[in-house]
Amino acid sequence: MRAALWNYVNTPYLFTWDGFQVAEIEPWQEEGETWRRLRVQFPDYVDTHSRVQTFYFGAEDVLLRRQDYDVDIRGGVPRAHYTMDHVSVDGFSFPTRRRVVARNPDDTTEAEPVFVSLDVTSISLS
C-alpha cells in the first residue's frame, strides 16, 4: 500500500522520470466532459499496480480525473480509480478524495461497489 500511496501523491510528476513511456491516446467522454488520456508504461524500478496504466485529465483544467489499471497481484482485475475535490498546496494540485471501482472491458465503470475509499483531510509540503 505504501508504494500505491507514493505513486498517487507523485502522479503525474513521476512521468518525467527516466524509463517512463507516455503517449496521448483518444479522448474520453464522461460526466458531460471530454477527458484527455495518457497511456503510461511504468519502468521496472517503480512498484505499481500494473506496468501499463491509463490516466484521464480534464481537457480544460488538466486535473487528474481517473486512473485505470489492472491489479496484477489479484490476477489482473480491472479497476478505475477516480480522483476528485482537488486542492492547491504551494502551487501543486492534489485530489483529496479517491474512489476505486470496477472497470468494464469497454472502459466504462460501475458505481458500486467501491473497493477503495480514501479521503485526505490535510496536505502540507516540506
Protein backbone atom coordinates (compact mmCIF):
# COMPACT_ATOMS: atom_id res chain seq x y z
CA MET A 1 0.00 0.00 0.00
CA ARG A 2 2.91 2.35 0.68
CA ALA A 3 4.03 2.16 -2.98
CA ALA A 4 0.48 2.88 -4.17
CA LEU A 5 0.16 5.97 -1.96
CA TRP A 6 3.58 7.19 -3.04
CA ASN A 7 2.55 6.89 -6.70
CA TYR A 8 -0.79 8.63 -6.05
CA VAL A 9 0.90 11.66 -4.49
CA ASN A 10 3.55 11.90 -7.21
CA THR A 11 1.33 11.46 -10.28
CA PRO A 12 1.75 12.95 -12.89
CA TYR A 13 5.14 14.38 -11.89
CA LEU A 14 6.84 10.98 -11.84
CA PHE A 15 6.08 10.53 -15.57
CA THR A 16 9.09 12.78 -16.27
CA TRP A 17 11.49 10.26 -14.72
CA ASP A 18 13.77 8.04 -16.78
CA GLY A 19 12.16 4.93 -18.21
CA PHE A 20 8.54 6.11 -18.34
CA GLN A 21 6.89 5.79 -21.74
CA VAL A 22 3.95 8.16 -22.21
CA ALA A 23 1.61 8.52 -25.20
CA GLU A 24 -1.60 10.51 -25.59
CA ILE A 25 -4.48 8.33 -26.82
CA GLU A 26 -8.01 9.16 -27.98
CA PRO A 27 -10.08 11.39 -25.66
CA TRP A 28 -12.82 10.02 -23.41
CA GLN A 29 -16.33 11.36 -22.75
CA GLU A 30 -17.60 11.08 -19.17
CA GLU A 31 -19.79 13.13 -16.84
CA GLY A 32 -20.57 15.55 -19.69
CA GLU A 33 -16.88 16.36 -20.12
CA THR A 34 -14.11 15.44 -22.51
CA TRP A 35 -11.08 14.00 -20.75
CA ARG A 36 -7.66 13.69 -22.35
CA ARG A 37 -5.97 10.34 -21.82
CA LEU A 38 -2.38 9.27 -21.41
CA ARG A 39 -1.26 5.66 -21.74
CA VAL A 40 1.73 5.27 -19.42
CA GLN A 41 4.15 2.39 -19.21
CA PHE A 42 5.97 2.32 -15.90
CA PRO A 43 9.63 1.23 -15.72
CA ASP A 44 10.50 -1.90 -13.76
CA TYR A 45 12.14 0.08 -10.94
CA VAL A 46 8.78 1.63 -9.89
CA ASP A 47 6.45 -0.51 -7.76
CA THR A 48 2.90 -0.07 -9.05
CA HIS A 49 -0.44 -1.85 -9.65
CA SER A 50 0.44 -2.70 -13.26
CA ARG A 51 3.12 -1.72 -15.77
CA VAL A 52 0.65 -0.11 -18.23
CA GLN A 53 -1.99 2.32 -16.98
CA THR A 54 -4.28 4.96 -18.47
CA PHE A 55 -4.64 8.40 -16.88
CA TYR A 56 -7.54 10.76 -17.60
CA PHE A 57 -7.18 14.54 -17.29
CA GLY A 58 -9.76 17.30 -17.63
CA ALA A 59 -9.42 18.92 -21.07
CA GLU A 60 -9.81 22.43 -19.65
CA ASP A 61 -8.16 22.36 -16.22
CA VAL A 62 -5.81 19.38 -16.85
CA LEU A 63 -6.56 17.93 -13.39
CA LEU A 64 -6.36 14.17 -12.93
CA ARG A 65 -9.87 12.68 -13.01
CA ARG A 66 -9.29 8.95 -13.27
CA GLN A 67 -6.62 6.27 -13.47
CA ASP A 68 -7.21 2.82 -14.99
CA TYR A 69 -5.10 -0.21 -14.17
CA ASP A 70 -5.25 -3.97 -13.81
CA VAL A 71 -4.37 -5.15 -10.32
CA ASP A 72 -1.53 -7.56 -11.13
CA ILE A 73 -1.34 -9.05 -7.63
CA ARG A 74 -5.02 -10.02 -7.98
CA GLY A 75 -4.69 -11.70 -11.37
CA GLY A 76 -5.18 -8.58 -13.49
CA VAL A 77 -8.54 -7.42 -12.08
CA PRO A 78 -9.54 -4.21 -13.99
CA ARG A 79 -10.13 -1.14 -11.82
CA ALA A 80 -10.90 2.55 -12.34
CA HIS A 81 -9.53 4.92 -9.73
CA TYR A 82 -11.40 8.25 -9.60
CA THR A 83 -9.86 11.38 -8.10
CA MET A 84 -11.84 14.46 -7.09
CA ASP A 85 -12.01 17.55 -4.91
CA HIS A 86 -8.57 18.87 -5.84
CA VAL A 87 -6.82 21.42 -3.65
CA SER A 88 -3.80 23.56 -4.42
CA VAL A 89 -0.86 23.48 -1.99
CA ASP A 90 2.19 25.62 -2.75
CA GLY A 91 1.22 25.64 -6.44
CA PHE A 92 0.75 21.86 -6.70
CA SER A 93 -2.68 20.29 -7.18
CA PHE A 94 -3.72 17.24 -5.14
CA PRO A 95 -7.03 15.34 -5.17
CA THR A 96 -8.44 14.91 -1.68
CA ARG A 97 -10.97 12.18 -2.48
CA ARG A 98 -10.28 8.86 -4.22
CA ARG A 99 -12.64 6.04 -5.11
CA VAL A 100 -11.74 2.75 -6.80
CA VAL A 101 -14.48 0.89 -8.68
CA ALA A 102 -14.81 -1.95 -11.21
CA ARG A 103 -13.90 -1.23 -14.84
CA ASN A 104 -15.68 -2.99 -17.70
CA PRO A 105 -13.96 -4.26 -20.90
CA ASP A 106 -15.19 -1.13 -22.77
CA ASP A 107 -13.63 1.13 -20.07
CA THR A 108 -16.99 2.16 -18.64
CA THR A 109 -17.27 1.78 -14.87
CA GLU A 110 -19.62 0.55 -12.18
CA ALA A 111 -20.53 3.00 -9.41
CA GLU A 112 -20.88 0.21 -6.85
CA PRO A 113 -19.25 -1.42 -5.10
CA VAL A 114 -16.48 0.97 -4.10
CA PHE A 115 -13.37 -1.14 -3.42
CA VAL A 116 -11.20 1.64 -2.01
CA SER A 117 -12.30 4.95 -0.49
CA LEU A 118 -9.62 7.41 0.56
CA ASP A 119 -10.25 10.93 1.90
CA VAL A 120 -7.33 13.25 2.63
CA THR A 121 -8.05 15.96 5.20
CA SER A 122 -4.68 17.72 5.39
CA ILE A 123 -1.79 18.24 2.98
CA SER A 124 1.47 20.03 3.68
CA LEU A 125 4.71 20.17 1.74
CA SER A 126 8.16 20.47 3.25
